[in-house]
Protein backbone atom coordinates (compact mmCIF):
# COMPACT_ATOMS: atom_id res chain seq x y z
CA UNK A 1 0.00 0.00 0.00
CA UNK A 2 1.53 3.28 -1.09
CA UNK A 3 -0.88 5.51 0.85
CA UNK A 4 0.65 5.16 4.33
CA UNK A 5 4.28 5.79 3.24
CA UNK A 6 3.03 8.69 1.11
CA UNK A 7 1.22 10.32 4.02
CA UNK A 8 4.17 9.67 6.35
CA UNK A 9 6.62 11.34 3.97
CA UNK A 10 8.52 8.10 3.38
CA UNK A 11 7.90 7.76 -0.35
CA UNK A 12 11.16 8.58 -2.15
CA UNK A 13 10.95 11.55 -4.49
CA UNK A 14 7.53 12.69 -3.26
CA UNK A 15 6.81 15.54 -0.87
CA UNK A 16 3.39 15.97 0.71
CA UNK A 17 2.28 19.01 2.73
CA UNK A 18 -0.23 17.41 5.08
CA UNK A 19 -0.58 20.66 7.02
CA UNK A 20 -2.35 22.14 4.00
CA UNK A 21 -4.70 19.16 3.74
CA UNK A 22 -5.34 17.83 7.24
CA UNK A 23 -4.01 19.95 10.12
CA UNK A 24 -2.62 18.11 13.14
CA UNK A 25 -4.97 17.62 16.09
CA UNK A 26 -4.52 16.08 19.52
CA UNK A 27 -8.19 15.08 19.40
CA UNK A 28 -8.69 11.82 17.46
CA UNK A 29 -12.34 12.63 16.74
CA UNK A 30 -11.36 15.96 15.17
CA UNK A 31 -8.62 14.23 13.17
CA UNK A 32 -11.01 11.59 11.82
CA UNK A 33 -13.57 14.26 10.96
CA UNK A 34 -10.92 16.24 9.04
CA UNK A 35 -9.80 13.16 7.11
CA UNK A 36 -13.42 12.30 6.36
CA UNK A 37 -14.39 15.79 5.16
CA UNK A 38 -11.17 16.62 3.31
CA UNK A 39 -10.26 13.33 1.64
CA UNK A 40 -13.57 11.49 1.48
CA UNK A 41 -16.07 14.35 1.11
CA UNK A 42 -17.93 13.05 4.15
CA UNK A 43 -18.18 9.53 2.74
CA UNK A 44 -16.19 7.64 5.38
CA UNK A 45 -17.94 4.40 6.27
CA UNK A 46 -18.94 3.59 9.84
CA UNK A 47 -16.42 0.75 9.73
CA UNK A 48 -13.54 3.13 8.90
CA UNK A 49 -14.73 5.55 11.58
CA UNK A 50 -14.40 2.68 14.03
CA UNK A 51 -11.12 1.17 12.80
CA UNK A 52 -8.97 4.25 12.12
CA UNK A 53 -9.26 5.74 15.64
CA UNK A 54 -8.21 2.40 17.12
CA UNK A 55 -5.19 2.27 14.81
CA UNK A 56 -3.99 5.78 15.72
CA UNK A 57 -4.73 5.57 19.46
CA UNK A 58 -1.70 6.40 21.55
CA UNK A 59 0.40 7.71 18.66
CA UNK A 60 1.93 11.18 18.77
CA UNK A 61 -0.26 13.68 16.84
CA UNK A 62 1.96 13.90 13.72
CA UNK A 63 2.21 10.11 13.45
CA UNK A 64 -1.52 9.70 14.11
CA UNK A 65 -2.31 12.17 11.33
CA UNK A 66 -0.01 10.44 8.85
CA UNK A 67 -1.51 7.02 9.62
CA UNK A 68 -5.10 8.32 9.54
CA UNK A 69 -4.51 10.01 6.18
CA UNK A 70 -2.76 6.92 4.83
CA UNK A 71 -5.56 4.64 5.95
CA UNK A 72 -8.14 7.05 4.56
CA UNK A 73 -6.42 7.16 1.17
CA UNK A 74 -5.70 3.44 1.10
CA UNK A 75 -9.11 2.31 2.26
CA UNK A 76 -12.10 1.32 0.16
CA UNK A 77 -13.99 4.53 0.96
CA UNK A 78 -11.44 6.57 -1.01
CA UNK A 79 -11.08 3.97 -3.75
CA UNK A 80 -14.84 4.06 -4.43
CA UNK A 81 -14.70 7.80 -5.13
C-alpha atoms as a PDB file:
ATOM      1  CA  UNK A   1       0.000   0.000   0.000  1.00  0.00           C
ATOM      2  CA  UNK A   2       1.531   3.282  -1.091  1.00  0.00           C
ATOM      3  CA  UNK A   3      -0.876   5.513   0.854  1.00  0.00           C
ATOM      4  CA  UNK A   4       0.653   5.158   4.334  1.00  0.00           C
ATOM      5  CA  UNK A   5       4.276   5.785   3.241  1.00  0.00           C
ATOM      6  CA  UNK A   6       3.035   8.689   1.105  1.00  0.00           C
ATOM      7  CA  UNK A   7       1.219  10.317   4.021  1.00  0.00           C
ATOM      8  CA  UNK A   8       4.171   9.671   6.348  1.00  0.00           C
ATOM      9  CA  UNK A   9       6.621  11.342   3.969  1.00  0.00           C
ATOM     10  CA  UNK A  10       8.520   8.104   3.378  1.00  0.00           C
ATOM     11  CA  UNK A  11       7.899   7.764  -0.348  1.00  0.00           C
ATOM     12  CA  UNK A  12      11.163   8.577  -2.153  1.00  0.00           C
ATOM     13  CA  UNK A  13      10.954  11.551  -4.485  1.00  0.00           C
ATOM     14  CA  UNK A  14       7.529  12.687  -3.257  1.00  0.00           C
ATOM     15  CA  UNK A  15       6.809  15.540  -0.872  1.00  0.00           C
ATOM     16  CA  UNK A  16       3.391  15.973   0.711  1.00  0.00           C
ATOM     17  CA  UNK A  17       2.283  19.006   2.730  1.00  0.00           C
ATOM     18  CA  UNK A  18      -0.227  17.411   5.079  1.00  0.00           C
ATOM     19  CA  UNK A  19      -0.580  20.660   7.023  1.00  0.00           C
ATOM     20  CA  UNK A  20      -2.345  22.137   4.001  1.00  0.00           C
ATOM     21  CA  UNK A  21      -4.698  19.159   3.738  1.00  0.00           C
ATOM     22  CA  UNK A  22      -5.336  17.827   7.242  1.00  0.00           C
ATOM     23  CA  UNK A  23      -4.015  19.951  10.120  1.00  0.00           C
ATOM     24  CA  UNK A  24      -2.624  18.107  13.142  1.00  0.00           C
ATOM     25  CA  UNK A  25      -4.972  17.616  16.090  1.00  0.00           C
ATOM     26  CA  UNK A  26      -4.523  16.083  19.519  1.00  0.00           C
ATOM     27  CA  UNK A  27      -8.192  15.079  19.395  1.00  0.00           C
ATOM     28  CA  UNK A  28      -8.686  11.824  17.461  1.00  0.00           C
ATOM     29  CA  UNK A  29     -12.341  12.628  16.742  1.00  0.00           C
ATOM     30  CA  UNK A  30     -11.359  15.958  15.175  1.00  0.00           C
ATOM     31  CA  UNK A  31      -8.623  14.230  13.170  1.00  0.00           C
ATOM     32  CA  UNK A  32     -11.013  11.594  11.818  1.00  0.00           C
ATOM     33  CA  UNK A  33     -13.572  14.262  10.957  1.00  0.00           C
ATOM     34  CA  UNK A  34     -10.921  16.243   9.044  1.00  0.00           C
ATOM     35  CA  UNK A  35      -9.798  13.161   7.107  1.00  0.00           C
ATOM     36  CA  UNK A  36     -13.424  12.304   6.358  1.00  0.00           C
ATOM     37  CA  UNK A  37     -14.394  15.789   5.161  1.00  0.00           C
ATOM     38  CA  UNK A  38     -11.168  16.622   3.306  1.00  0.00           C
ATOM     39  CA  UNK A  39     -10.260  13.334   1.636  1.00  0.00           C
ATOM     40  CA  UNK A  40     -13.570  11.487   1.478  1.00  0.00           C
ATOM     41  CA  UNK A  41     -16.073  14.347   1.111  1.00  0.00           C
ATOM     42  CA  UNK A  42     -17.934  13.047   4.149  1.00  0.00           C
ATOM     43  CA  UNK A  43     -18.177   9.531   2.736  1.00  0.00           C
ATOM     44  CA  UNK A  44     -16.194   7.638   5.378  1.00  0.00           C
ATOM     45  CA  UNK A  45     -17.936   4.396   6.267  1.00  0.00           C
ATOM     46  CA  UNK A  46     -18.935   3.592   9.840  1.00  0.00           C
ATOM     47  CA  UNK A  47     -16.416   0.747   9.727  1.00  0.00           C
ATOM     48  CA  UNK A  48     -13.541   3.126   8.895  1.00  0.00           C
ATOM     49  CA  UNK A  49     -14.732   5.551  11.585  1.00  0.00           C
ATOM     50  CA  UNK A  50     -14.400   2.675  14.028  1.00  0.00           C
ATOM     51  CA  UNK A  51     -11.124   1.174  12.799  1.00  0.00           C
ATOM     52  CA  UNK A  52      -8.967   4.247  12.123  1.00  0.00           C
ATOM     53  CA  UNK A  53      -9.256   5.738  15.636  1.00  0.00           C
ATOM     54  CA  UNK A  54      -8.208   2.403  17.124  1.00  0.00           C
ATOM     55  CA  UNK A  55      -5.190   2.270  14.810  1.00  0.00           C
ATOM     56  CA  UNK A  56      -3.988   5.780  15.722  1.00  0.00           C
ATOM     57  CA  UNK A  57      -4.730   5.567  19.464  1.00  0.00           C
ATOM     58  CA  UNK A  58      -1.698   6.399  21.550  1.00  0.00           C
ATOM     59  CA  UNK A  59       0.401   7.709  18.664  1.00  0.00           C
ATOM     60  CA  UNK A  60       1.931  11.182  18.771  1.00  0.00           C
ATOM     61  CA  UNK A  61      -0.255  13.680  16.835  1.00  0.00           C
ATOM     62  CA  UNK A  62       1.956  13.904  13.719  1.00  0.00           C
ATOM     63  CA  UNK A  63       2.213  10.111  13.449  1.00  0.00           C
ATOM     64  CA  UNK A  64      -1.515   9.701  14.110  1.00  0.00           C
ATOM     65  CA  UNK A  65      -2.307  12.171  11.334  1.00  0.00           C
ATOM     66  CA  UNK A  66      -0.013  10.436   8.846  1.00  0.00           C
ATOM     67  CA  UNK A  67      -1.505   7.023   9.617  1.00  0.00           C
ATOM     68  CA  UNK A  68      -5.098   8.318   9.544  1.00  0.00           C
ATOM     69  CA  UNK A  69      -4.505  10.014   6.176  1.00  0.00           C
ATOM     70  CA  UNK A  70      -2.763   6.919   4.828  1.00  0.00           C
ATOM     71  CA  UNK A  71      -5.563   4.639   5.948  1.00  0.00           C
ATOM     72  CA  UNK A  72      -8.141   7.051   4.565  1.00  0.00           C
ATOM     73  CA  UNK A  73      -6.418   7.159   1.172  1.00  0.00           C
ATOM     74  CA  UNK A  74      -5.701   3.443   1.096  1.00  0.00           C
ATOM     75  CA  UNK A  75      -9.114   2.312   2.259  1.00  0.00           C
ATOM     76  CA  UNK A  76     -12.095   1.316   0.156  1.00  0.00           C
ATOM     77  CA  UNK A  77     -13.987   4.527   0.958  1.00  0.00           C
ATOM     78  CA  UNK A  78     -11.443   6.565  -1.014  1.00  0.00           C
ATOM     79  CA  UNK A  79     -11.084   3.965  -3.746  1.00  0.00           C
ATOM     80  CA  UNK A  80     -14.836   4.055  -4.431  1.00  0.00           C
ATOM     81  CA  UNK A  81     -14.697   7.801  -5.128  1.00  0.00           C
END
